[in-house]
Amino acid sequence: MPRALALTACGGLLLGSLLAAILLGPYPLSWSEVFCALGDLLQGKGQGPAALVLHLRLSRLALAFVAGASLAVAGAVLQTVLANPLADPFTLGVSSGAACGATFALIAGAAGTLAVPLSALAGGSLALVLVLGLCLASRSFSHETLILAGILVSTTLAALIALAKALHEDSVASIVFWLLGSFQNRSWPHLFLMLPLTLPALTVVLLASQVLDVLALGGESAHLLGLPVTQTRILLVLAAAALTAAAVSVAGIIGFVGLVVPHGARLLVGPRHGVLMPACALLGGGVLLWADLAARTVLAHGTELPVGVITALAGAPAVAATMLALRRKG
């Protein structure tokens, strides 16, 4: 499929996802209600039920799109930088760090406030510092060292989360729901919390598309072509970690998007990162929009499922298929 046509198809998927996210849900909206509600919101009214529903859905779909795009782009970057087709945004321990920060905020009684995503952001950043510190101590920033350091940090932080849950049983329900990922009770302030990290990181990744093409050739080849491999890897890992931390800090842990979507995008547009990164952003945003829509419509009476459950149920077979395909190629 030509790349331009593939990108157009990704854009069409995103547009269809946006329309479905606006119209469908426990309180379905008709086109006339949408236009009337938009008029009310633009006039600053927003008192009718349709306007209220539309206001809530617009914030959720914006959050779902930005989070999905961030996770997918971060996954594509890490798969190239770490030379591992099964790498994803959680390889470096950032998600475990964010989960740990949010867990301690919930235990402190901050549920429902911006203190939870802020604590998650701080925890994810601290986890990345620990990973880079371990690499610095070992005097190696190779992809093997990064992966091992990430596994070590993730395992330690997961143990801390389990310990916190065991010692604070009254907060277990809210902690578990957050760990499974959700956009419930999220609104515009959470989006504005993400953007200061997301926009610079996305800019770095998009500007480094040709550099990623060189890194995809391998570390030795990139070095022979004059690329400072270690410094470049650190910068791109930081960008991917920032994207992951921003998404996890507001939505909780949502798995498989950063692992599966980059492979689907490569099938559509090929491996050139100048086209691959926009495709990952469009597909990742669209996939998470549909996952959020399923999470709030599958059960009756407005009961929501965690988004992470939806992505796990859909993503696990896709990962299995990817592993089998990679084995056949090998």
C-alpha atoms as a PDB file:
ATOM      1  CA  MET A   1       0.000   0.000   0.000  1.00  0.00           C
ATOM      2  CA  PRO A   2       1.449   3.441  -0.922  1.00  0.00           C
ATOM      3  CA  ARG A   3       2.534   5.420   2.130  1.00  0.00           C
ATOM      4  CA  ALA A   4       0.327   8.406   1.366  1.00  0.00           C
ATOM      5  CA  LEU A   5      -2.695   6.136   1.031  1.00  0.00           C
ATOM      6  CA  ALA A   6      -1.780   4.313   4.250  1.00  0.00           C
ATOM      7  CA  LEU A   7      -1.499   7.599   6.170  1.00  0.00           C
ATOM      8  CA  THR A   8      -4.851   8.669   4.723  1.00  0.00           C
ATOM      9  CA  ALA A   9      -6.353   5.394   5.927  1.00  0.00           C
ATOM     10  CA  CYS A  10      -4.916   6.025   9.417  1.00  0.00           C
ATOM     11  CA  GLY A  11      -6.436   9.511   9.372  1.00  0.00           C
ATOM     12  CA  GLY A  12      -9.783   8.058   8.298  1.00  0.00           C
ATOM     13  CA  LEU A  13      -9.648   5.549  11.141  1.00  0.00           C
ATOM     14  CA  LEU A  14      -8.964   8.363  13.578  1.00  0.00           C
ATOM     15  CA  LEU A  15     -11.845  10.475  12.243  1.00  0.00           C
ATOM     16  CA  GLY A  16     -14.247   7.533  12.503  1.00  0.00           C
ATOM     17  CA  SER A  17     -13.005   6.838  16.022  1.00  0.00           C
ATOM     18  CA  LEU A  18     -13.564  10.451  17.064  1.00  0.00           C
ATOM     19  CA  LEU A  19     -17.114  10.467  15.709  1.00  0.00           C
ATOM     20  CA  ALA A  20     -17.938   7.164  17.405  1.00  0.00           C
ATOM     21  CA  ALA A  21     -16.479   8.383  20.723  1.00  0.00           C
ATOM     22  CA  ILE A  22     -18.671  11.505  20.556  1.00  0.00           C
ATOM     23  CA  LEU A  23     -21.943   9.856  19.507  1.00  0.00           C
ATOM     24  CA  LEU A  24     -21.864   6.554  21.398  1.00  0.00           C
ATOM     25  CA  GLY A  25     -21.926   5.733  25.069  1.00  0.00           C
ATOM     26  CA  PRO A  26     -24.321   5.062  27.982  1.00  0.00           C
ATOM     27  CA  TYR A  27     -26.065   8.298  26.937  1.00  0.00           C
ATOM     28  CA  PRO A  28     -26.144   8.172  23.088  1.00  0.00           C
ATOM     29  CA  LEU A  29     -26.243  11.494  21.256  1.00  0.00           C
ATOM     30  CA  SER A  30     -27.824  12.251  17.892  1.00  0.00           C
ATOM     31  CA  TRP A  31     -26.238  14.600  15.359  1.00  0.00           C
ATOM     32  CA  SER A  32     -28.777  17.317  16.177  1.00  0.00           C
ATOM     33  CA  GLU A  33     -27.981  17.036  19.899  1.00  0.00           C
ATOM     34  CA  VAL A  34     -24.266  17.253  19.147  1.00  0.00           C
ATOM     35  CA  PHE A  35     -24.636  20.442  17.101  1.00  0.00           C
ATOM     36  CA  CYS A  36     -26.972  22.022  19.683  1.00  0.00           C
ATOM     37  CA  ALA A  37     -24.620  21.052  22.507  1.00  0.00           C
ATOM     38  CA  LEU A  38     -21.630  22.488  20.629  1.00  0.00           C
ATOM     39  CA  GLY A  39     -23.555  25.741  20.206  1.00  0.00           C
ATOM     40  CA  ASP A  40     -24.325  25.824  23.926  1.00  0.00           C
ATOM     41  CA  LEU A  41     -20.712  25.159  24.843  1.00  0.00           C
ATOM     42  CA  LEU A  42     -19.410  27.852  22.496  1.00  0.00           C
ATOM     43  CA  GLN A  43     -21.839  30.320  24.058  1.00  0.00           C
ATOM     44  CA  GLY A  44     -20.676  29.369  27.541  1.00  0.00           C
ATOM     45  CA  LYS A  45     -23.977  27.797  28.557  1.00  0.00           C
ATOM     46  CA  GLY A  46     -23.345  24.079  28.857  1.00  0.00           C
ATOM     47  CA  GLN A  47     -26.283  23.484  31.213  1.00  0.00           C
ATOM     48  CA  GLY A  48     -28.273  20.906  29.219  1.00  0.00           C
ATOM     49  CA  PRO A  49     -27.620  17.172  29.580  1.00  0.00           C
ATOM     50  CA  ALA A  50     -26.373  16.882  25.993  1.00  0.00           C
ATOM     51  CA  ALA A  51     -23.907  19.742  26.491  1.00  0.00           C
ATOM     52  CA  LEU A  52     -22.677  18.200  29.722  1.00  0.00           C
ATOM     53  CA  VAL A  53     -22.196  14.795  28.112  1.00  0.00           C
ATOM     54  CA  LEU A  54     -20.437  16.314  25.114  1.00  0.00           C
ATOM     55  CA  HIS A  55     -18.144  18.346  27.380  1.00  0.00           C
ATOM     56  CA  LEU A  56     -17.150  15.201  29.276  1.00  0.00           C
ATOM     57  CA  ARG A  57     -16.678  13.153  26.110  1.00  0.00           C
ATOM     58  CA  LEU A  58     -14.564  15.781  24.374  1.00  0.00           C
ATOM     59  CA  SER A  59     -12.130  15.854  27.291  1.00  0.00           C
ATOM     60  CA  ARG A  60     -12.006  12.049  27.429  1.00  0.00           C
ATOM     61  CA  LEU A  61     -11.437  11.593  23.715  1.00  0.00           C
ATOM     62  CA  ALA A  62      -8.701  14.238  23.748  1.00  0.00           C
ATOM     63  CA  LEU A  63      -6.995  12.454  26.642  1.00  0.00           C
ATOM     64  CA  ALA A  64      -7.416   9.017  25.061  1.00  0.00           C
ATOM     65  CA  PHE A  65      -5.980  10.195  21.750  1.00  0.00           C
ATOM     66  CA  VAL A  66      -2.952  11.935  23.279  1.00  0.00           C
ATOM     67  CA  ALA A  67      -2.247   8.990  25.607  1.00  0.00           C
ATOM     68  CA  GLY A  68      -2.595   6.435  22.806  1.00  0.00           C
ATOM     69  CA  ALA A  69      -0.407   8.461  20.443  1.00  0.00           C
ATOM     70  CA  SER A  70       2.230   8.917  23.161  1.00  0.00           C
ATOM     71  CA  LEU A  71       2.386   5.218  24.045  1.00  0.00           C
ATOM     72  CA  ALA A  72       2.532   4.095  20.406  1.00  0.00           C
ATOM     73  CA  VAL A  73       5.279   6.561  19.453  1.00  0.00           C
ATOM     74  CA  ALA A  74       7.254   5.685  22.591  1.00  0.00           C
ATOM     75  CA  GLY A  75       6.976   1.995  21.714  1.00  0.00           C
ATOM     76  CA  ALA A  76       8.229   2.553  18.169  1.00  0.00           C
ATOM     77  CA  VAL A  77      11.197   4.570  19.458  1.00  0.00           C
ATOM     78  CA  LEU A  78      12.186   1.953  22.037  1.00  0.00           C
ATOM     79  CA  GLN A  79      11.884  -0.920  19.569  1.00  0.00           C
ATOM     80  CA  THR A  80      14.371   0.855  17.320  1.00  0.00           C
ATOM     81  CA  VAL A  81      16.742   2.188  19.997  1.00  0.00           C
ATOM     82  CA  LEU A  82      16.861  -1.084  21.953  1.00  0.00           C
ATOM     83  CA  ALA A  83      16.908  -3.208  18.762  1.00  0.00           C
ATOM     84  CA  ASN A  84      14.162  -5.354  20.274  1.00  0.00           C
ATOM     85  CA  PRO A  85      10.851  -5.851  18.423  1.00  0.00           C
ATOM     86  CA  LEU A  86       9.159  -6.813  21.699  1.00  0.00           C
ATOM     87  CA  ALA A  87      10.242  -3.678  23.598  1.00  0.00           C
ATOM     88  CA  ASP A  88       7.483  -1.358  24.779  1.00  0.00           C
ATOM     89  CA  PRO A  89       7.101   1.824  26.878  1.00  0.00           C
ATOM     90  CA  PHE A  90       7.225  -0.178  30.099  1.00  0.00           C
ATOM     91  CA  THR A  91      10.647  -1.711  29.421  1.00  0.00           C
ATOM     92  CA  LEU A  92      12.492   1.057  31.265  1.00  0.00           C
ATOM     93  CA  GLY A  93      10.489   0.884  34.486  1.00  0.00           C
ATOM     94  CA  VAL A  94       8.793   4.235  33.890  1.00  0.00           C
ATOM     95  CA  SER A  95       5.311   2.758  34.195  1.00  0.00           C
ATOM     96  CA  SER A  96       6.186   0.986  37.453  1.00  0.00           C
ATOM     97  CA  GLY A  97       7.619   4.222  38.813  1.00  0.00           C
ATOM     98  CA  ALA A  98       4.481   6.131  37.860  1.00  0.00           C
ATOM     99  CA  ALA A  99       2.319   3.414  39.401  1.00  0.00           C
ATOM    100  CA  CYS A 100       4.358   3.539  42.598  1.00  0.00           C
ATOM    101  CA  GLY A 101       4.025   7.327  42.838  1.00  0.00           C
ATOM    102  CA  ALA A 102       0.275   7.165  42.272  1.00  0.00           C
ATOM    103  CA  THR A 103      -0.084   4.342  44.795  1.00  0.00           C
ATOM    104  CA  PHE A 104       1.484   6.360  47.584  1.00  0.00           C
ATOM    105  CA  ALA A 105      -0.644   9.388  46.657  1.00  0.00           C
ATOM    106  CA  LEU A 106      -3.808   7.263  46.860  1.00  0.00           C
ATOM    107  CA  ILE A 107      -2.738   5.863  50.217  1.00  0.00           C
ATOM    108  CA  ALA A 108      -2.236   9.424  51.445  1.00  0.00           C
ATOM    109  CA  GLY A 109      -5.881  10.163  50.611  1.00  0.00           C
ATOM    110  CA  ALA A 110      -5.356  12.172  47.419  1.00  0.00           C
ATOM    111  CA  ALA A 111      -7.842  10.178  45.303  1.00  0.00           C
ATOM    112  CA  GLY A 112      -9.733  12.362  42.841  1.00  0.00           C
ATOM    113  CA  THR A 113      -7.200  15.197  42.924  1.00  0.00           C
ATOM    114  CA  LEU A 114      -4.367  16.260  40.620  1.00  0.00           C
ATOM    115  CA  ALA A 115      -1.935  15.096  43.303  1.00  0.00           C
ATOM    116  CA  VAL A 116      -2.292  11.547  41.941  1.00  0.00           C
ATOM    117  CA  PRO A 117      -1.103  12.236  38.363  1.00  0.00           C
ATOM    118  CA  LEU A 118       1.554  14.643  39.662  1.00  0.00           C
ATOM    119  CA  SER A 119       2.865  11.950  42.009  1.00  0.00           C
ATOM    120  CA  ALA A 120       2.770   9.432  39.152  1.00  0.00           C
ATOM    121  CA  LEU A 121       4.773  11.808  36.987  1.00  0.00           C
ATOM    122  CA  ALA A 122       7.341  12.254  39.733  1.00  0.00           C
ATOM    123  CA  GLY A 123       7.547   8.490  40.274  1.00  0.00           C
ATOM    124  CA  GLY A 124       8.068   7.804  36.568  1.00  0.00           C
ATOM    125  CA  SER A 125      10.796  10.430  36.384  1.00  0.00           C
ATOM    126  CA  LEU A 126      12.534   8.980  39.446  1.00  0.00           C
ATOM    127  CA  ALA A 127      12.410   5.490  37.934  1.00  0.00           C
ATOM    128  CA  LEU A 128      14.100   6.763  34.781  1.00  0.00           C
ATOM    129  CA  VAL A 129      16.799   8.472  36.878  1.00  0.00           C
ATOM    130  CA  LEU A 130      17.422   5.156  38.655  1.00  0.00           C
ATOM    131  CA  VAL A 131      17.698   3.278  35.358  1.00  0.00           C
ATOM    132  CA  LEU A 132      20.129   5.805  33.881  1.00  0.00           C
ATOM    133  CA  GLY A 133      22.068   5.840  37.167  1.00  0.00           C
ATOM    134  CA  LEU A 134      22.519   2.067  36.999  1.00  0.00           C
ATOM    135  CA  CYS A 135      23.740   2.373  33.420  1.00  0.00           C
ATOM    136  CA  LEU A 136      26.148   5.130  34.443  1.00  0.00           C
ATOM    137  CA  ALA A 137      27.446   3.020  37.339  1.00  0.00           C
ATOM    138  CA  SER A 138      28.083   0.116  34.966  1.00  0.00           C
ATOM    139  CA  ARG A 139      29.661   2.522  32.428  1.00  0.00           C
ATOM    140  CA  SER A 140      27.490   1.152  29.659  1.00  0.00           C
ATOM    141  CA  PHE A 141      24.464   2.540  27.860  1.00  0.00           C
ATOM    142  CA  SER A 142      24.011  -0.382  25.484  1.00  0.00           C
ATOM    143  CA  HIS A 143      20.477  -1.591  24.832  1.00  0.00           C
ATOM    144  CA  GLU A 144      21.157  -4.766  26.847  1.00  0.00           C
ATOM    145  CA  THR A 145      22.192  -2.717  29.885  1.00  0.00           C
ATOM    146  CA  LEU A 146      19.157  -0.438  29.561  1.00  0.00           C
ATOM    147  CA  ILE A 147      16.784  -3.415  29.424  1.00  0.00           C
ATOM    148  CA  LEU A 148      18.403  -5.144  32.415  1.00  0.00           C
ATOM    149  CA  ALA A 149      18.365  -1.929  34.460  1.00  0.00           C
ATOM    150  CA  GLY A 150      14.722  -1.364  33.538  1.00  0.00           C
ATOM    151  CA  ILE A 151      13.767  -4.898  34.604  1.00  0.00           C
ATOM    152  CA  LEU A 152      15.587  -4.458  37.920  1.00  0.00           C
ATOM    153  CA  VAL A 153      13.889  -1.132  38.679  1.00  0.00           C
ATOM    154  CA  SER A 154      10.460  -2.408  37.552  1.00  0.00           C
ATOM    155  CA  THR A 155      10.694  -5.508  39.731  1.00  0.00           C
ATOM    156  CA  THR A 156      11.729  -3.500  42.791  1.00  0.00           C
ATOM    157  CA  LEU A 157       8.975  -0.912  42.345  1.00  0.00           C
ATOM    158  CA  ALA A 158       6.365  -3.627  41.720  1.00  0.00           C
ATOM    159  CA  ALA A 159       7.370  -5.189  45.036  1.00  0.00           C
ATOM    160  CA  LEU A 160       6.915  -1.802  46.751  1.00  0.00           C
ATOM    161  CA  ILE A 161       3.429  -1.478  45.246  1.00  0.00           C
ATOM    162  CA  ALA A 162       2.507  -4.977  46.450  1.00  0.00           C
ATOM    163  CA  LEU A 163       3.795  -4.126  49.927  1.00  0.00           C
ATOM    164  CA  ALA A 164       1.784  -0.890  50.003  1.00  0.00           C
ATOM    165  CA  LYS A 165      -1.373  -2.755  48.975  1.00  0.00           C
ATOM    166  CA  ALA A 166      -0.828  -5.349  51.680  1.00  0.00           C
ATOM    167  CA  LEU A 167      -0.336  -2.698  54.383  1.00  0.00           C
ATOM    168  CA  HIS A 168      -3.228  -0.444  53.305  1.00  0.00           C
ATOM    169  CA  GLU A 169      -6.163  -2.699  52.486  1.00  0.00           C
ATOM    170  CA  ASP A 170      -8.639   0.203  52.595  1.00  0.00           C
ATOM    171  CA  SER A 171      -7.025   1.732  49.492  1.00  0.00           C
ATOM    172  CA  VAL A 172      -6.622  -1.495  47.493  1.00  0.00           C
ATOM    173  CA  ALA A 173      -9.713  -0.970  45.296  1.00  0.00           C
ATOM    174  CA  SER A 174      -8.687   2.485  44.067  1.00  0.00           C
ATOM    175  CA  ILE A 175      -5.067   1.376  43.608  1.00  0.00           C
ATOM    176  CA  VAL A 176      -6.024  -1.676  41.537  1.00  0.00           C
ATOM    177  CA  PHE A 177      -8.423   0.308  39.342  1.00  0.00           C
ATOM    178  CA  TRP A 178      -5.715   2.902  38.696  1.00  0.00           C
ATOM    179  CA  LEU A 179      -3.128   0.213  37.911  1.00  0.00           C
ATOM    180  CA  LEU A 180      -5.474  -1.268  35.291  1.00  0.00           C
ATOM    181  CA  GLY A 181      -5.824   2.077  33.503  1.00  0.00           C
ATOM    182  CA  SER A 182      -8.877   4.269  33.108  1.00  0.00           C
ATOM    183  CA  PHE A 183     -10.073   7.653  31.821  1.00  0.00           C
ATOM    184  CA  GLN A 184     -12.924   7.780  34.296  1.00  0.00           C
ATOM    185  CA  ASN A 185     -13.152  11.117  36.161  1.00  0.00           C
ATOM    186  CA  ARG A 186     -10.492  12.620  33.887  1.00  0.00           C
ATOM    187  CA  SER A 187     -11.026  16.044  32.305  1.00  0.00           C
ATOM    188  CA  TRP A 188      -9.247  18.992  30.723  1.00  0.00           C
ATOM    189  CA  PRO A 189      -6.837  19.730  33.632  1.00  0.00           C
ATOM    190  CA  HIS A 190      -5.367  16.247  33.215  1.00  0.00           C
ATOM    191  CA  LEU A 191      -4.753  16.922  29.518  1.00  0.00           C
ATOM    192  CA  PHE A 192      -3.002  20.196  30.324  1.00  0.00           C
ATOM    193  CA  LEU A 193      -0.854  18.262  32.797  1.00  0.00           C
ATOM    194  CA  MET A 194       0.308  15.944  29.987  1.00  0.00           C
ATOM    195  CA  LEU A 195       1.111  18.498  27.299  1.00  0.00           C
ATOM    196  CA  PRO A 196       4.264  20.095  28.818  1.00  0.00           C
ATOM    197  CA  LEU A 197       5.952  16.687  28.605  1.00  0.00           C
ATOM    198  CA  THR A 198       4.208  15.260  25.546  1.00  0.00           C
ATOM    199  CA  LEU A 199       4.711  18.105  23.055  1.00  0.00           C
ATOM    200  CA  PRO A 200       8.514  18.541  23.494  1.00  0.00           C
ATOM    201  CA  ALA A 201       9.069  14.768  23.476  1.00  0.00           C
ATOM    202  CA  LEU A 202       7.003  14.309  20.304  1.00  0.00           C
ATOM    203  CA  THR A 203       8.920  17.176  18.680  1.00  0.00           C
ATOM    204  CA  VAL A 204      12.256  15.525  19.507  1.00  0.00           C
ATOM    205  CA  VAL A 205      11.116  12.186  18.080  1.00  0.00           C
ATOM    206  CA  LEU A 206       9.736  13.676  14.871  1.00  0.00           C
ATOM    207  CA  LEU A 207      12.891  15.732  14.291  1.00  0.00           C
ATOM    208  CA  ALA A 208      15.009  12.619  14.890  1.00  0.00           C
ATOM    209  CA  SER A 209      13.249  10.442  12.312  1.00  0.00           C
ATOM    210  CA  GLN A 210      16.325  10.222  10.063  1.00  0.00           C
ATOM    211  CA  VAL A 211      18.513   9.504  13.087  1.00  0.00           C
ATOM    212  CA  LEU A 212      16.198   6.620  13.992  1.00  0.00           C
ATOM    213  CA  ASP A 213      16.577   5.277  10.457  1.00  0.00           C
ATOM    214  CA  VAL A 214      20.344   5.223  10.993  1.00  0.00           C
ATOM    215  CA  LEU A 215      20.042   3.575  14.420  1.00  0.00           C
ATOM    216  CA  ALA A 216      17.868   0.878  12.861  1.00  0.00           C
ATOM    217  CA  LEU A 217      20.944  -0.226  10.879  1.00  0.00           C
ATOM    218  CA  GLY A 218      22.668  -1.205  14.133  1.00  0.00           C
ATOM    219  CA  GLY A 219      24.986   0.472  16.607  1.00  0.00           C
ATOM    220  CA  GLU A 220      28.205  -0.271  14.721  1.00  0.00           C
ATOM    221  CA  SER A 221      26.852   0.932  11.390  1.00  0.00           C
ATOM    222  CA  ALA A 222      25.481   4.096  13.018  1.00  0.00           C
ATOM    223  CA  HIS A 223      28.878   4.769  14.621  1.00  0.00           C
ATOM    224  CA  LEU A 224      30.657   4.311  11.298  1.00  0.00           C
ATOM    225  CA  LEU A 225      28.266   6.842   9.754  1.00  0.00           C
ATOM    226  CA  GLY A 226      29.366   9.397  12.348  1.00  0.00           C
ATOM    227  CA  LEU A 227      26.407   9.205  14.725  1.00  0.00           C
ATOM    228  CA  PRO A 228      27.163   9.638  18.466  1.00  0.00           C
ATOM    229  CA  VAL A 229      25.333   6.435  19.361  1.00  0.00           C
ATOM    230  CA  THR A 230      25.375   6.618  23.164  1.00  0.00           C
ATOM    231  CA  GLN A 231      24.251  10.256  23.397  1.00  0.00           C
ATOM    232  CA  THR A 232      21.569   9.699  20.768  1.00  0.00           C
ATOM    233  CA  ARG A 233      20.217   6.642  22.557  1.00  0.00           C
ATOM    234  CA  ILE A 234      20.034   8.529  25.854  1.00  0.00           C
ATOM    235  CA  LEU A 235      18.164  11.450  24.260  1.00  0.00           C
ATOM    236  CA  LEU A 236      15.643   9.203  22.506  1.00  0.00           C
ATOM    237  CA  VAL A 237      15.152   7.024  25.586  1.00  0.00           C
ATOM    238  CA  LEU A 238      14.449  10.201  27.584  1.00  0.00           C
ATOM    239  CA  ALA A 239      11.882  11.283  24.986  1.00  0.00           C
ATOM    240  CA  ALA A 240      10.170   7.874  25.039  1.00  0.00           C
ATOM    241  CA  ALA A 241      10.179   7.845  28.835  1.00  0.00           C
ATOM    242  CA  ALA A 242       8.644  11.333  28.938  1.00  0.00           C
ATOM    243  CA  LEU A 243       5.851  10.226  26.611  1.00  0.00           C
ATOM    244  CA  THR A 244       5.216   7.139  28.741  1.00  0.00           C
ATOM    245  CA  ALA A 245       5.295   9.018  32.038  1.00  0.00           C
ATOM    246  CA  ALA A 246       2.859  11.643  30.735  1.00  0.00           C
ATOM    247  CA  ALA A 247       0.375   9.008  29.553  1.00  0.00           C
ATOM    248  CA  VAL A 248       0.633   6.802  32.634  1.00  0.00           C
ATOM    249  CA  SER A 249       0.392   9.775  35.001  1.00  0.00           C
ATOM    250  CA  VAL A 250      -3.191  10.544  33.913  1.00  0.00           C
ATOM    251  CA  ALA A 251      -4.516   7.220  32.590  1.00  0.00           C
ATOM    252  CA  GLY A 252      -2.780   4.620  34.718  1.00  0.00           C
ATOM    253  CA  ILE A 253      -1.059   1.596  33.220  1.00  0.00           C
ATOM    254  CA  ILE A 254      -2.413   0.712  29.779  1.00  0.00           C
ATOM    255  CA  GLY A 255      -0.529  -2.158  28.224  1.00  0.00           C
ATOM    256  CA  PHE A 256       0.009  -3.493  24.697  1.00  0.00           C
ATOM    257  CA  VAL A 257      -0.656  -0.204  22.831  1.00  0.00           C
ATOM    258  CA  GLY A 258       3.040   0.656  22.690  1.00  0.00           C
ATOM    259  CA  LEU A 259       3.927  -2.920  21.775  1.00  0.00           C
ATOM    260  CA  VAL A 260       1.353  -3.801  19.124  1.00  0.00           C
ATOM    261  CA  VAL A 261       0.575  -0.534  17.336  1.00  0.00           C
ATOM    262  CA  PRO A 262       4.140   0.104  16.010  1.00  0.00           C
ATOM    263  CA  HIS A 263       4.148  -3.300  14.308  1.00  0.00           C
ATOM    264  CA  GLY A 264       0.778  -2.600  12.711  1.00  0.00           C
ATOM    265  CA  ALA A 265       2.015   0.788  11.535  1.00  0.00           C
ATOM    266  CA  ARG A 266       5.125  -0.794   9.989  1.00  0.00           C
ATOM    267  CA  LEU A 267       2.931  -3.178   8.016  1.00  0.00           C
ATOM    268  CA  LEU A 268       0.969  -0.196   6.671  1.00  0.00           C
ATOM    269  CA  VAL A 269       3.678   2.385   5.923  1.00  0.00           C
ATOM    270  CA  GLY A 270       6.999   0.546   6.137  1.00  0.00           C
ATOM    271  CA  PRO A 271       9.994   1.061   8.441  1.00  0.00           C
ATOM    272  CA  ARG A 272      10.956   4.652   7.477  1.00  0.00           C
ATOM    273  CA  HIS A 273      10.492   6.631  10.678  1.00  0.00           C
ATOM    274  CA  GLY A 274       9.543   9.882   8.963  1.00  0.00           C
ATOM    275  CA  VAL A 275       6.242   8.245   7.994  1.00  0.00           C
ATOM    276  CA  LEU A 276       6.139   5.594  10.723  1.00  0.00           C
ATOM    277  CA  MET A 277       5.933   8.042  13.642  1.00  0.00           C
ATOM    278  CA  PRO A 278       2.872   9.974  12.368  1.00  0.00           C
ATOM    279  CA  ALA A 279       1.220   6.652  11.527  1.00  0.00           C
ATOM    280  CA  CYS A 280       1.924   5.345  15.049  1.00  0.00           C
ATOM    281  CA  ALA A 281       0.433   8.504  16.564  1.00  0.00           C
ATOM    282  CA  LEU A 282      -2.747   8.266  14.468  1.00  0.00           C
ATOM    283  CA  LEU A 283      -3.192   4.523  14.983  1.00  0.00           C
ATOM    284  CA  GLY A 284      -2.344   4.618  18.685  1.00  0.00           C
ATOM    285  CA  GLY A 285      -4.797   7.436  19.305  1.00  0.00           C
ATOM    286  CA  GLY A 286      -7.526   5.656  17.327  1.00  0.00           C
ATOM    287  CA  VAL A 287      -6.968   2.317  19.064  1.00  0.00           C
ATOM    288  CA  LEU A 288      -7.191   3.852  22.527  1.00  0.00           C
ATOM    289  CA  LEU A 289     -10.319   5.808  21.554  1.00  0.00           C
ATOM    290  CA  TRP A 290     -12.031   2.535  20.644  1.00  0.00           C
ATOM    291  CA  ALA A 291     -10.730   0.852  23.807  1.00  0.00           C
ATOM    292  CA  ASP A 292     -12.154   3.670  25.937  1.00  0.00           C
ATOM    293  CA  LEU A 293     -15.445   3.504  24.043  1.00  0.00           C
ATOM    294  CA  ALA A 294     -15.667  -0.237  24.701  1.00  0.00           C
ATOM    295  CA  ALA A 295     -14.770   0.292  28.350  1.00  0.00           C
ATOM    296  CA  ARG A 296     -17.724   2.630  28.913  1.00  0.00           C
ATOM    297  CA  THR A 297     -20.321   0.832  26.765  1.00  0.00           C
ATOM    298  CA  VAL A 298     -19.780  -2.932  27.227  1.00  0.00           C
ATOM    299  CA  LEU A 299     -21.488  -3.034  30.631  1.00  0.00           C
ATOM    300  CA  ALA A 300     -24.979  -1.731  31.279  1.00  0.00           C
ATOM    301  CA  HIS A 301     -26.113   1.062  33.623  1.00  0.00           C
ATOM    302  CA  GLY A 302     -23.052   3.231  33.002  1.00  0.00           C
ATOM    303  CA  THR A 303     -20.627   0.830  34.720  1.00  0.00           C
ATOM    304  CA  GLU A 304     -17.120   1.151  33.291  1.00  0.00           C
ATOM    305  CA  LEU A 305     -14.421  -1.408  32.727  1.00  0.00           C
ATOM    306  CA  PRO A 306     -10.776  -0.408  33.108  1.00  0.00           C
ATOM    307  CA  VAL A 307      -9.307   0.485  29.706  1.00  0.00           C
ATOM    308  CA  GLY A 308      -6.265  -1.656  30.477  1.00  0.00           C
ATOM    309  CA  VAL A 309      -8.495  -4.735  30.580  1.00  0.00           C
ATOM    310  CA  ILE A 310      -9.761  -3.998  27.065  1.00  0.00           C
ATOM    311  CA  THR A 311      -6.277  -3.421  25.626  1.00  0.00           C
ATOM    312  CA  ALA A 312      -4.959  -6.557  27.343  1.00  0.00           C
ATOM    313  CA  LEU A 313      -7.752  -8.768  26.006  1.00  0.00           C
ATOM    314  CA  ALA A 314      -7.258  -7.397  22.487  1.00  0.00           C
ATOM    315  CA  GLY A 315      -3.483  -7.055  22.659  1.00  0.00           C
ATOM    316  CA  ALA A 316      -2.466 -10.462  23.996  1.00  0.00           C
ATOM    317  CA  PRO A 317      -3.480 -12.357  20.798  1.00  0.00           C
ATOM    318  CA  ALA A 318      -1.773  -9.681  18.706  1.00  0.00           C
ATOM    319  CA  VAL A 319       1.465 -10.081  20.685  1.00  0.00           C
ATOM    320  CA  ALA A 320       1.282 -13.866  20.279  1.00  0.00           C
ATOM    321  CA  ALA A 321       0.856 -13.447  16.518  1.00  0.00           C
ATOM    322  CA  THR A 322       3.804 -11.022  16.429  1.00  0.00           C
ATOM    323  CA  MET A 323       6.048 -13.464  18.284  1.00  0.00           C
ATOM    324  CA  LEU A 324       5.121 -16.293  15.894  1.00  0.00           C
ATOM    325  CA  ALA A 325       5.785 -14.050  12.884  1.00  0.00           C
ATOM    326  CA  LEU A 326       9.195 -13.037  14.264  1.00  0.00           C
ATOM    327  CA  ARG A 327      10.052 -16.700  14.889  1.00  0.00           C
ATOM    328  CA  ARG A 328       9.186 -17.611  11.281  1.00  0.00           C
ATOM    329  CA  LYS A 329      11.397 -14.774  10.009  1.00  0.00           C
ATOM    330  CA  GLY A 330      14.229 -15.944  12.248  1.00  0.00           C
END
